[in-house]
Amino acid sequence: MALGLDAPGFSEFPLSAAPLEVPSSARAPPVDGPSPFERLARELSAAIDGGDRLSIEASSGRYEQMDAATLIALQAGIYRYSEAVDLCAKLVDRTASATRTVLEAGR
């Protein structure tokens, strides 16, 4: 951009229609195994599934005759379950918000 005293002016840049080549040094190395996001999603899913089983067992009365330590462990498990559900809800909300932002920017 060339600035003058009267008004800003833009010089022309030659643009080619050829696709840009990514140098091999800038490419990500091949990854063996699941990506970090995939591992997170699997762990989150396993936590939610475990919490579902725990809450079903608790609501069926399985823990009726348990001592205080077992009931505190049950409470901690239900807390971890609620945290996993909350994290999943935030992840979905942020993903939807980011998608909406990208789609609105393309209009």
PDB file of N, CA and C in Angstrom:
ATOM      1  N   MET A   1       0.849  -1.167   0.000  1.00  0.00           N
ATOM      2  CA  MET A   1       0.000   0.000   0.000  1.00  0.00           C
ATOM      3  C   MET A   1       0.896   1.232   0.000  1.00  0.00           C
ATOM      4  N   ALA A   2       0.674   2.105  -0.957  1.00  0.00           N
ATOM      5  CA  ALA A   2       1.435   3.344  -1.043  1.00  0.00           C
ATOM      6  C   ALA A   2       0.620   4.468  -0.416  1.00  0.00           C
ATOM      7  N   LEU A   3       1.196   5.160   0.525  1.00  0.00           N
ATOM      8  CA  LEU A   3       0.490   6.254   1.188  1.00  0.00           C
ATOM      9  C   LEU A   3       0.955   7.584   0.624  1.00  0.00           C
ATOM     10  N   GLY A   4       0.021   8.410   0.319  1.00  0.00           N
ATOM     11  CA  GLY A   4       0.335   9.749  -0.147  1.00  0.00           C
ATOM     12  C   GLY A   4      -0.327  10.772   0.762  1.00  0.00           C
ATOM     13  N   LEU A   5      -0.138  12.029   0.448  1.00  0.00           N
ATOM     14  CA  LEU A   5      -0.756  13.058   1.265  1.00  0.00           C
ATOM     15  C   LEU A   5      -2.230  13.231   0.928  1.00  0.00           C
ATOM     16  N   ASP A   6      -2.623  12.924  -0.317  1.00  0.00           N
ATOM     17  CA  ASP A   6      -4.003  13.145  -0.723  1.00  0.00           C
ATOM     18  C   ASP A   6      -4.921  11.988  -0.306  1.00  0.00           C
ATOM     19  N   ALA A   7      -4.584  10.782  -0.715  1.00  0.00           N
ATOM     20  CA  ALA A   7      -5.436   9.626  -0.423  1.00  0.00           C
ATOM     21  C   ALA A   7      -4.597   8.372  -0.532  1.00  0.00           C
ATOM     22  N   PRO A   8      -4.930   7.360   0.205  1.00  0.00           N
ATOM     23  CA  PRO A   8      -4.168   6.123   0.086  1.00  0.00           C
ATOM     24  C   PRO A   8      -4.421   5.473  -1.268  1.00  0.00           C
ATOM     25  N   GLY A   9      -3.390   4.878  -1.816  1.00  0.00           N
ATOM     26  CA  GLY A   9      -3.517   4.165  -3.088  1.00  0.00           C
ATOM     27  C   GLY A   9      -2.947   2.773  -2.943  1.00  0.00           C
ATOM     28  N   PHE A  10      -3.433   1.858  -3.725  1.00  0.00           N
ATOM     29  CA  PHE A  10      -2.993   0.483  -3.659  1.00  0.00           C
ATOM     30  C   PHE A  10      -2.291   0.119  -4.956  1.00  0.00           C
ATOM     31  N   SER A  11      -1.096  -0.401  -4.818  1.00  0.00           N
ATOM     32  CA  SER A  11      -0.417  -0.870  -6.019  1.00  0.00           C
ATOM     33  C   SER A  11      -0.950  -2.253  -6.365  1.00  0.00           C
ATOM     34  N   GLU A  12      -0.860  -2.597  -7.615  1.00  0.00           N
ATOM     35  CA  GLU A  12      -1.395  -3.884  -8.048  1.00  0.00           C
ATOM     36  C   GLU A  12      -0.380  -4.981  -7.794  1.00  0.00           C
ATOM     37  N   PHE A  13      -0.873  -6.113  -7.334  1.00  0.00           N
ATOM     38  CA  PHE A  13      -0.037  -7.278  -7.099  1.00  0.00           C
ATOM     39  C   PHE A  13      -0.371  -8.318  -8.145  1.00  0.00           C
ATOM     40  N   PRO A  14       0.621  -8.871  -8.820  1.00  0.00           N
ATOM     41  CA  PRO A  14       0.320  -9.919  -9.798  1.00  0.00           C
ATOM     42  C   PRO A  14      -0.116 -11.195  -9.076  1.00  0.00           C
ATOM     43  N   LEU A  15      -1.266 -11.711  -9.433  1.00  0.00           N
ATOM     44  CA  LEU A  15      -1.795 -12.925  -8.832  1.00  0.00           C
ATOM     45  C   LEU A  15      -1.801 -14.031  -9.870  1.00  0.00           C
ATOM     46  N   SER A  16      -1.325 -15.165  -9.497  1.00  0.00           N
ATOM     47  CA  SER A  16      -1.363 -16.296 -10.423  1.00  0.00           C
ATOM     48  C   SER A  16      -2.473 -17.244 -10.009  1.00  0.00           C
ATOM     49  N   ALA A  17      -3.008 -17.969 -10.973  1.00  0.00           N
ATOM     50  CA  ALA A  17      -4.087 -18.912 -10.699  1.00  0.00           C
ATOM     51  C   ALA A  17      -3.555 -20.272 -10.291  1.00  0.00           C
ATOM     52  N   ALA A  18      -2.247 -20.450 -10.279  1.00  0.00           N
ATOM     53  CA  ALA A  18      -1.664 -21.739  -9.909  1.00  0.00           C
ATOM     54  C   ALA A  18      -1.831 -21.972  -8.412  1.00  0.00           C
ATOM     55  N   PRO A  19      -2.107 -23.224  -8.014  1.00  0.00           N
ATOM     56  CA  PRO A  19      -2.259 -23.502  -6.584  1.00  0.00           C
ATOM     57  C   PRO A  19      -0.928 -23.350  -5.863  1.00  0.00           C
ATOM     58  N   LEU A  20      -1.013 -22.958  -4.616  1.00  0.00           N
ATOM     59  CA  LEU A  20       0.195 -22.786  -3.820  1.00  0.00           C
ATOM     60  C   LEU A  20       0.727 -24.144  -3.401  1.00  0.00           C
ATOM     61  N   GLU A  21       2.012 -24.306  -3.470  1.00  0.00           N
ATOM     62  CA  GLU A  21       2.660 -25.541  -3.053  1.00  0.00           C
ATOM     63  C   GLU A  21       3.163 -25.369  -1.621  1.00  0.00           C
ATOM     64  N   VAL A  22       2.882 -26.354  -0.797  1.00  0.00           N
ATOM     65  CA  VAL A  22       3.365 -26.343   0.573  1.00  0.00           C
ATOM     66  C   VAL A  22       4.701 -27.064   0.595  1.00  0.00           C
ATOM     67  N   PRO A  23       5.749 -26.420   1.079  1.00  0.00           N
ATOM     68  CA  PRO A  23       7.047 -27.094   1.107  1.00  0.00           C
ATOM     69  C   PRO A  23       6.996 -28.320   2.012  1.00  0.00           C
ATOM     70  N   SER A  24       7.755 -29.338   1.677  1.00  0.00           N
ATOM     71  CA  SER A  24       7.718 -30.578   2.439  1.00  0.00           C
ATOM     72  C   SER A  24       8.157 -30.371   3.880  1.00  0.00           C
ATOM     73  N   SER A  25       8.993 -29.379   4.144  1.00  0.00           N
ATOM     74  CA  SER A  25       9.422 -29.120   5.522  1.00  0.00           C
ATOM     75  C   SER A  25       8.292 -28.540   6.362  1.00  0.00           C
ATOM     76  N   ALA A  26       7.270 -27.945   5.741  1.00  0.00           N
ATOM     77  CA  ALA A  26       6.166 -27.343   6.476  1.00  0.00           C
ATOM     78  C   ALA A  26       5.021 -28.328   6.698  1.00  0.00           C
ATOM     79  N   ARG A  27       5.057 -29.469   6.045  1.00  0.00           N
ATOM     80  CA  ARG A  27       3.983 -30.449   6.204  1.00  0.00           C
ATOM     81  C   ARG A  27       4.134 -31.172   7.529  1.00  0.00           C
ATOM     82  N   ALA A  28       3.005 -31.517   8.094  1.00  0.00           N
ATOM     83  CA  ALA A  28       3.012 -32.262   9.355  1.00  0.00           C
ATOM     84  C   ALA A  28       3.453 -33.698   9.090  1.00  0.00           C
ATOM     85  N   PRO A  29       4.247 -34.247   9.980  1.00  0.00           N
ATOM     86  CA  PRO A  29       4.671 -35.631   9.785  1.00  0.00           C
ATOM     87  C   PRO A  29       3.482 -36.578   9.944  1.00  0.00           C
ATOM     88  N   PRO A  30       3.505 -37.717   9.290  1.00  0.00           N
ATOM     89  CA  PRO A  30       2.404 -38.659   9.439  1.00  0.00           C
ATOM     90  C   PRO A  30       2.311 -39.130  10.884  1.00  0.00           C
ATOM     91  N   VAL A  31       1.092 -39.262  11.345  1.00  0.00           N
ATOM     92  CA  VAL A  31       0.851 -39.615  12.737  1.00  0.00           C
ATOM     93  C   VAL A  31       0.391 -41.069  12.809  1.00  0.00           C
ATOM     94  N   ASP A  32       1.055 -41.837  13.655  1.00  0.00           N
ATOM     95  CA  ASP A  32       0.605 -43.199  13.910  1.00  0.00           C
ATOM     96  C   ASP A  32      -0.340 -43.169  15.097  1.00  0.00           C
ATOM     97  N   GLY A  33      -1.533 -43.708  14.925  1.00  0.00           N
ATOM     98  CA  GLY A  33      -2.497 -43.742  16.013  1.00  0.00           C
ATOM     99  C   GLY A  33      -3.454 -42.567  15.945  1.00  0.00           C
ATOM    100  N   PRO A  34      -4.318 -42.481  16.933  1.00  0.00           N
ATOM    101  CA  PRO A  34      -5.335 -41.423  16.930  1.00  0.00           C
ATOM    102  C   PRO A  34      -4.738 -40.054  17.239  1.00  0.00           C
ATOM    103  N   SER A  35      -5.401 -39.033  16.721  1.00  0.00           N
ATOM    104  CA  SER A  35      -4.980 -37.662  16.973  1.00  0.00           C
ATOM    105  C   SER A  35      -5.329 -37.284  18.416  1.00  0.00           C
ATOM    106  N   PRO A  36      -4.748 -36.201  18.930  1.00  0.00           N
ATOM    107  CA  PRO A  36      -5.089 -35.775  20.291  1.00  0.00           C
ATOM    108  C   PRO A  36      -6.588 -35.486  20.461  1.00  0.00           C
ATOM    109  N   PHE A  37      -7.205 -34.898  19.439  1.00  0.00           N
ATOM    110  CA  PHE A  37      -8.639 -34.622  19.539  1.00  0.00           C
ATOM    111  C   PHE A  37      -9.438 -35.918  19.583  1.00  0.00           C
ATOM    112  N   GLU A  38      -9.033 -36.897  18.770  1.00  0.00           N
ATOM    113  CA  GLU A  38      -9.731 -38.181  18.778  1.00  0.00           C
ATOM    114  C   GLU A  38      -9.585 -38.871  20.132  1.00  0.00           C
ATOM    115  N   ARG A  39      -8.396 -38.799  20.719  1.00  0.00           N
ATOM    116  CA  ARG A  39      -8.197 -39.386  22.053  1.00  0.00           C
ATOM    117  C   ARG A  39      -9.082 -38.693  23.080  1.00  0.00           C
ATOM    118  N   LEU A  40      -9.167 -37.362  22.999  1.00  0.00           N
ATOM    119  CA  LEU A  40     -10.023 -36.604  23.908  1.00  0.00           C
ATOM    120  C   LEU A  40     -11.479 -37.014  23.741  1.00  0.00           C
ATOM    121  N   ALA A  41     -11.932 -37.124  22.501  1.00  0.00           N
ATOM    122  CA  ALA A  41     -13.321 -37.497  22.252  1.00  0.00           C
ATOM    123  C   ALA A  41     -13.614 -38.899  22.767  1.00  0.00           C
ATOM    124  N   ARG A  42     -12.684 -39.822  22.578  1.00  0.00           N
ATOM    125  CA  ARG A  42     -12.901 -41.188  23.072  1.00  0.00           C
ATOM    126  C   ARG A  42     -12.927 -41.239  24.594  1.00  0.00           C
ATOM    127  N   GLU A  43     -12.007 -40.530  25.243  1.00  0.00           N
ATOM    128  CA  GLU A  43     -11.981 -40.503  26.708  1.00  0.00           C
ATOM    129  C   GLU A  43     -13.229 -39.839  27.270  1.00  0.00           C
ATOM    130  N   LEU A  44     -13.678 -38.780  26.616  1.00  0.00           N
ATOM    131  CA  LEU A  44     -14.895 -38.098  27.050  1.00  0.00           C
ATOM    132  C   LEU A  44     -16.103 -39.003  26.891  1.00  0.00           C
ATOM    133  N   SER A  45     -16.165 -39.710  25.780  1.00  0.00           N
ATOM    134  CA  SER A  45     -17.256 -40.649  25.541  1.00  0.00           C
ATOM    135  C   SER A  45     -17.254 -41.781  26.570  1.00  0.00           C
ATOM    136  N   ALA A  46     -16.069 -42.307  26.884  1.00  0.00           N
ATOM    137  CA  ALA A  46     -15.973 -43.379  27.875  1.00  0.00           C
ATOM    138  C   ALA A  46     -16.403 -42.883  29.258  1.00  0.00           C
ATOM    139  N   ALA A  47     -16.025 -41.650  29.596  1.00  0.00           N
ATOM    140  CA  ALA A  47     -16.414 -41.082  30.887  1.00  0.00           C
ATOM    141  C   ALA A  47     -17.925 -40.913  30.973  1.00  0.00           C
ATOM    142  N   ILE A  48     -18.532 -40.464  29.892  1.00  0.00           N
ATOM    143  CA  ILE A  48     -19.984 -40.273  29.887  1.00  0.00           C
ATOM    144  C   ILE A  48     -20.697 -41.617  29.950  1.00  0.00           C
ATOM    145  N   ASP A  49     -20.203 -42.607  29.207  1.00  0.00           N
ATOM    146  CA  ASP A  49     -20.809 -43.944  29.256  1.00  0.00           C
ATOM    147  C   ASP A  49     -20.708 -44.550  30.657  1.00  0.00           C
ATOM    148  N   GLY A  50     -19.539 -44.390  31.281  1.00  0.00           N
ATOM    149  CA  GLY A  50     -19.371 -44.891  32.649  1.00  0.00           C
ATOM    150  C   GLY A  50     -20.294 -44.179  33.625  1.00  0.00           C
ATOM    151  N   GLY A  51     -20.463 -42.885  33.466  1.00  0.00           N
ATOM    152  CA  GLY A  51     -21.378 -42.129  34.320  1.00  0.00           C
ATOM    153  C   GLY A  51     -22.821 -42.534  34.110  1.00  0.00           C
ATOM    154  N   ASP A  52     -23.171 -42.854  32.867  1.00  0.00           N
ATOM    155  CA  ASP A  52     -24.528 -43.340  32.595  1.00  0.00           C
ATOM    156  C   ASP A  52     -24.792 -44.639  33.357  1.00  0.00           C
ATOM    157  N   ARG A  53     -23.831 -45.570  33.269  1.00  0.00           N
ATOM    158  CA  ARG A  53     -23.990 -46.848  33.985  1.00  0.00           C
ATOM    159  C   ARG A  53     -24.082 -46.618  35.488  1.00  0.00           C
ATOM    160  N   LEU A  54     -23.231 -45.732  36.006  1.00  0.00           N
ATOM    161  CA  LEU A  54     -23.223 -45.437  37.430  1.00  0.00           C
ATOM    162  C   LEU A  54     -24.549 -44.841  37.885  1.00  0.00           C
ATOM    163  N   SER A  55     -25.086 -43.918  37.105  1.00  0.00           N
ATOM    164  CA  SER A  55     -26.355 -43.291  37.507  1.00  0.00           C
ATOM    165  C   SER A  55     -27.516 -44.268  37.399  1.00  0.00           C
ATOM    166  N   ILE A  56     -27.475 -45.181  36.435  1.00  0.00           N
ATOM    167  CA  ILE A  56     -28.526 -46.196  36.327  1.00  0.00           C
ATOM    168  C   ILE A  56     -28.470 -47.140  37.525  1.00  0.00           C
ATOM    169  N   GLU A  57     -27.257 -47.561  37.900  1.00  0.00           N
ATOM    170  CA  GLU A  57     -27.104 -48.438  39.065  1.00  0.00           C
ATOM    171  C   GLU A  57     -27.562 -47.735  40.338  1.00  0.00           C
ATOM    172  N   ALA A  58     -27.224 -46.449  40.464  1.00  0.00           N
ATOM    173  CA  ALA A  58     -27.606 -45.705  41.661  1.00  0.00           C
ATOM    174  C   ALA A  58     -29.118 -45.518  41.742  1.00  0.00           C
ATOM    175  N   SER A  59     -29.739 -45.265  40.613  1.00  0.00           N
ATOM    176  CA  SER A  59     -31.189 -45.040  40.631  1.00  0.00           C
ATOM    177  C   SER A  59     -31.964 -46.334  40.815  1.00  0.00           C
ATOM    178  N   SER A  60     -31.339 -47.484  40.542  1.00  0.00           N
ATOM    179  CA  SER A  60     -32.032 -48.761  40.724  1.00  0.00           C
ATOM    180  C   SER A  60     -31.952 -49.239  42.163  1.00  0.00           C
ATOM    181  N   GLY A  61     -31.240 -48.542  43.029  1.00  0.00           N
ATOM    182  CA  GLY A  61     -31.159 -48.902  44.434  1.00  0.00           C
ATOM    183  C   GLY A  61     -30.019 -49.844  44.753  1.00  0.00           C
ATOM    184  N   ARG A  62     -29.105 -50.020  43.853  1.00  0.00           N
ATOM    185  CA  ARG A  62     -27.978 -50.935  44.081  1.00  0.00           C
ATOM    186  C   ARG A  62     -27.116 -50.498  45.259  1.00  0.00           C
ATOM    187  N   TYR A  63     -27.049 -49.207  45.536  1.00  0.00           N
ATOM    188  CA  TYR A  63     -26.196 -48.687  46.596  1.00  0.00           C
ATOM    189  C   TYR A  63     -26.976 -48.434  47.887  1.00  0.00           C
ATOM    190  N   GLU A  64     -28.097 -49.072  48.040  1.00  0.00           N
ATOM    191  CA  GLU A  64     -28.969 -48.830  49.179  1.00  0.00           C
ATOM    192  C   GLU A  64     -28.327 -49.193  50.514  1.00  0.00           C
ATOM    193  N   GLN A  65     -27.642 -50.307  50.581  1.00  0.00           N
ATOM    194  CA  GLN A  65     -27.082 -50.811  51.837  1.00  0.00           C
ATOM    195  C   GLN A  65     -25.571 -50.578  51.943  1.00  0.00           C
ATOM    196  N   MET A  66     -25.049 -49.543  51.318  1.00  0.00           N
ATOM    197  CA  MET A  66     -23.612 -49.289  51.320  1.00  0.00           C
ATOM    198  C   MET A  66     -23.214 -48.392  52.491  1.00  0.00           C
ATOM    199  N   ASP A  67     -21.937 -48.460  52.843  1.00  0.00           N
ATOM    200  CA  ASP A  67     -21.418 -47.617  53.915  1.00  0.00           C
ATOM    201  C   ASP A  67     -21.133 -46.205  53.394  1.00  0.00           C
ATOM    202  N   ALA A  68     -20.713 -45.342  54.282  1.00  0.00           N
ATOM    203  CA  ALA A  68     -20.509 -43.935  53.945  1.00  0.00           C
ATOM    204  C   ALA A  68     -19.389 -43.750  52.916  1.00  0.00           C
ATOM    205  N   ALA A  69     -18.313 -44.527  53.015  1.00  0.00           N
ATOM    206  CA  ALA A  69     -17.200 -44.376  52.080  1.00  0.00           C
ATOM    207  C   ALA A  69     -17.628 -44.724  50.657  1.00  0.00           C
ATOM    208  N   THR A  70     -18.425 -45.752  50.511  1.00  0.00           N
ATOM    209  CA  THR A  70     -18.907 -46.143  49.182  1.00  0.00           C
ATOM    210  C   THR A  70     -19.840 -45.084  48.618  1.00  0.00           C
ATOM    211  N   LEU A  71     -20.673 -44.502  49.470  1.00  0.00           N
ATOM    212  CA  LEU A  71     -21.586 -43.459  49.014  1.00  0.00           C
ATOM    213  C   LEU A  71     -20.828 -42.183  48.629  1.00  0.00           C
ATOM    214  N   ILE A  72     -19.738 -41.872  49.323  1.00  0.00           N
ATOM    215  CA  ILE A  72     -18.920 -40.717  48.948  1.00  0.00           C
ATOM    216  C   ILE A  72     -18.239 -40.977  47.606  1.00  0.00           C
ATOM    217  N   ALA A  73     -17.779 -42.222  47.395  1.00  0.00           N
ATOM    218  CA  ALA A  73     -17.188 -42.585  46.103  1.00  0.00           C
ATOM    219  C   ALA A  73     -18.239 -42.474  44.992  1.00  0.00           C
ATOM    220  N   LEU A  74     -19.469 -42.864  45.296  1.00  0.00           N
ATOM    221  CA  LEU A  74     -20.560 -42.723  44.327  1.00  0.00           C
ATOM    222  C   LEU A  74     -20.795 -41.255  44.002  1.00  0.00           C
ATOM    223  N   GLN A  75     -20.780 -40.415  45.020  1.00  0.00           N
ATOM    224  CA  GLN A  75     -20.963 -38.987  44.810  1.00  0.00           C
ATOM    225  C   GLN A  75     -19.847 -38.412  43.941  1.00  0.00           C
ATOM    226  N   ALA A  76     -18.608 -38.839  44.180  1.00  0.00           N
ATOM    227  CA  ALA A  76     -17.484 -38.367  43.368  1.00  0.00           C
ATOM    228  C   ALA A  76     -17.635 -38.835  41.925  1.00  0.00           C
ATOM    229  N   GLY A  77     -18.105 -40.064  41.725  1.00  0.00           N
ATOM    230  CA  GLY A  77     -18.325 -40.574  40.368  1.00  0.00           C
ATOM    231  C   GLY A  77     -19.397 -39.795  39.632  1.00  0.00           C
ATOM    232  N   ILE A  78     -20.471 -39.476  40.324  1.00  0.00           N
ATOM    233  CA  ILE A  78     -21.545 -38.681  39.708  1.00  0.00           C
ATOM    234  C   ILE A  78     -21.039 -37.275  39.388  1.00  0.00           C
ATOM    235  N   TYR A  79     -20.186 -36.720  40.251  1.00  0.00           N
ATOM    236  CA  TYR A  79     -19.606 -35.402  39.989  1.00  0.00           C
ATOM    237  C   TYR A  79     -18.744 -35.436  38.727  1.00  0.00           C
ATOM    238  N   ARG A  80     -17.884 -36.465  38.600  1.00  0.00           N
ATOM    239  CA  ARG A  80     -17.044 -36.597  37.402  1.00  0.00           C
ATOM    240  C   ARG A  80     -17.919 -36.749  36.155  1.00  0.00           C
ATOM    241  N   TYR A  81     -19.013 -37.478  36.285  1.00  0.00           N
ATOM    242  CA  TYR A  81     -19.954 -37.657  35.177  1.00  0.00           C
ATOM    243  C   TYR A  81     -20.551 -36.309  34.769  1.00  0.00           C
ATOM    244  N   SER A  82     -20.967 -35.511  35.733  1.00  0.00           N
ATOM    245  CA  SER A  82     -21.564 -34.205  35.404  1.00  0.00           C
ATOM    246  C   SER A  82     -20.524 -33.270  34.771  1.00  0.00           C
ATOM    247  N   GLU A  83     -19.277 -33.359  35.230  1.00  0.00           N
ATOM    248  CA  GLU A  83     -18.210 -32.548  34.623  1.00  0.00           C
ATOM    249  C   GLU A  83     -17.958 -32.968  33.175  1.00  0.00           C
ATOM    250  N   ALA A  84     -17.987 -34.273  32.895  1.00  0.00           N
ATOM    251  CA  ALA A  84     -17.780 -34.759  31.522  1.00  0.00           C
ATOM    252  C   ALA A  84     -18.918 -34.301  30.614  1.00  0.00           C
ATOM    253  N   VAL A  85     -20.144 -34.353  31.113  1.00  0.00           N
ATOM    254  CA  VAL A  85     -21.292 -33.890  30.322  1.00  0.00           C
ATOM    255  C   VAL A  85     -21.185 -32.387  30.073  1.00  0.00           C
ATOM    256  N   ASP A  86     -20.784 -31.637  31.096  1.00  0.00           N
ATOM    257  CA  ASP A  86     -20.618 -30.183  30.943  1.00  0.00           C
ATOM    258  C   ASP A  86     -19.525 -29.855  29.928  1.00  0.00           C
ATOM    259  N   LEU A  87     -18.406 -30.571  29.975  1.00  0.00           N
ATOM    260  CA  LEU A  87     -17.330 -30.353  29.010  1.00  0.00           C
ATOM    261  C   LEU A  87     -17.799 -30.665  27.594  1.00  0.00           C
ATOM    262  N   CYS A  88     -18.553 -31.729  27.440  1.00  0.00           N
ATOM    263  CA  CYS A  88     -19.082 -32.092  26.116  1.00  0.00           C
ATOM    264  C   CYS A  88     -20.034 -31.011  25.602  1.00  0.00           C
ATOM    265  N   ALA A  89     -20.889 -30.492  26.476  1.00  0.00           N
ATOM    266  CA  ALA A  89     -21.814 -29.430  26.074  1.00  0.00           C
ATOM    267  C   ALA A  89     -21.059 -28.173  25.651  1.00  0.00           C
ATOM    268  N   LYS A  90     -19.997 -27.820  26.375  1.00  0.00           N
ATOM    269  CA  LYS A  90     -19.194 -26.653  26.003  1.00  0.00           C
ATOM    270  C   LYS A  90     -18.492 -26.871  24.672  1.00  0.00           C
ATOM    271  N   LEU A  91     -17.999 -28.081  24.451  1.00  0.00           N
ATOM    272  CA  LEU A  91     -17.327 -28.399  23.197  1.00  0.00           C
ATOM    273  C   LEU A  91     -18.290 -28.259  22.019  1.00  0.00           C
ATOM    274  N   VAL A  92     -19.500 -28.772  22.171  1.00  0.00           N
ATOM    275  CA  VAL A  92     -20.496 -28.665  21.104  1.00  0.00           C
ATOM    276  C   VAL A  92     -20.886 -27.206  20.886  1.00  0.00           C
ATOM    277  N   ASP A  93     -21.051 -26.449  21.970  1.00  0.00           N
ATOM    278  CA  ASP A  93     -21.431 -25.042  21.855  1.00  0.00           C
ATOM    279  C   ASP A  93     -20.343 -24.226  21.153  1.00  0.00           C
ATOM    280  N   ARG A  94     -19.095 -24.430  21.526  1.00  0.00           N
ATOM    281  CA  ARG A  94     -18.001 -23.683  20.888  1.00  0.00           C
ATOM    282  C   ARG A  94     -17.835 -24.079  19.426  1.00  0.00           C
ATOM    283  N   THR A  95     -18.022 -25.363  19.126  1.00  0.00           N
ATOM    284  CA  THR A  95     -17.923 -25.814  17.741  1.00  0.00           C
ATOM    285  C   THR A  95     -19.024 -25.190  16.900  1.00  0.00           C
ATOM    286  N   ALA A  96     -20.237 -25.171  17.426  1.00  0.00           N
ATOM    287  CA  ALA A  96     -21.352 -24.561  16.696  1.00  0.00           C
ATOM    288  C   ALA A  96     -21.128 -23.067  16.506  1.00  0.00           C
ATOM    289  N   SER A  97     -20.610 -22.402  17.525  1.00  0.00           N
ATOM    290  CA  SER A  97     -20.339 -20.969  17.428  1.00  0.00           C
ATOM    291  C   SER A  97     -19.256 -20.684  16.388  1.00  0.00           C
ATOM    292  N   ALA A  98     -18.200 -21.480  16.392  1.00  0.00           N
ATOM    293  CA  ALA A  98     -17.131 -21.284  15.417  1.00  0.00           C
ATOM    294  C   ALA A  98     -17.621 -21.555  14.002  1.00  0.00           C
ATOM    295  N   THR A  99     -18.423 -22.574  13.838  1.00  0.00           N
ATOM    296  CA  THR A  99     -18.983 -22.885  12.515  1.00  0.00           C
ATOM    297  C   THR A  99     -19.876 -21.751  12.034  1.00  0.00           C
ATOM    298  N   ARG A 100     -20.697 -21.226  12.920  1.00  0.00           N
ATOM    299  CA  ARG A 100     -21.580 -20.108  12.567  1.00  0.00           C
ATOM    300  C   ARG A 100     -20.754 -18.884  12.152  1.00  0.00           C
ATOM    301  N   THR A 101     -19.674 -18.619  12.876  1.00  0.00           N
ATOM    302  CA  THR A 101     -18.805 -17.483  12.550  1.00  0.00           C
ATOM    303  C   THR A 101     -18.177 -17.644  11.177  1.00  0.00           C
ATOM    304  N   VAL A 102     -17.691 -18.850  10.898  1.00  0.00           N
ATOM    305  CA  VAL A 102     -17.062 -19.097   9.582  1.00  0.00           C
ATOM    306  C   VAL A 102     -18.078 -18.964   8.475  1.00  0.00           C
ATOM    307  N   LEU A 103     -19.276 -19.495   8.672  1.00  0.00           N
ATOM    308  CA  LEU A 103     -20.299 -19.429   7.625  1.00  0.00           C
ATOM    309  C   LEU A 103     -20.780 -18.006   7.408  1.00  0.00           C
ATOM    310  N   GLU A 104     -20.896 -17.227   8.486  1.00  0.00           N
ATOM    311  CA  GLU A 104     -21.325 -15.829   8.329  1.00  0.00           C
ATOM    312  C   GLU A 104     -20.249 -14.996   7.649  1.00  0.00           C
ATOM    313  N   ALA A 105     -18.991 -15.328   7.865  1.00  0.00           N
ATOM    314  CA  ALA A 105     -17.911 -14.573   7.228  1.00  0.00           C
ATOM    315  C   ALA A 105     -17.866 -14.816   5.722  1.00  0.00           C
ATOM    316  N   GLY A 106     -18.404 -15.931   5.272  1.00  0.00           N
ATOM    317  CA  GLY A 106     -18.398 -16.237   3.845  1.00  0.00           C
ATOM    318  C   GLY A 106     -19.522 -15.582   3.064  1.00  0.00           C
ATOM    319  N   ARG A 107     -20.400 -14.887   3.738  1.00  0.00           N
ATOM    320  CA  ARG A 107     -21.538 -14.260   3.039  1.00  0.00           C
ATOM    321  C   ARG A 107     -21.114 -13.051   2.268  1.00  0.00           C
TER     322      ARG A 107
END
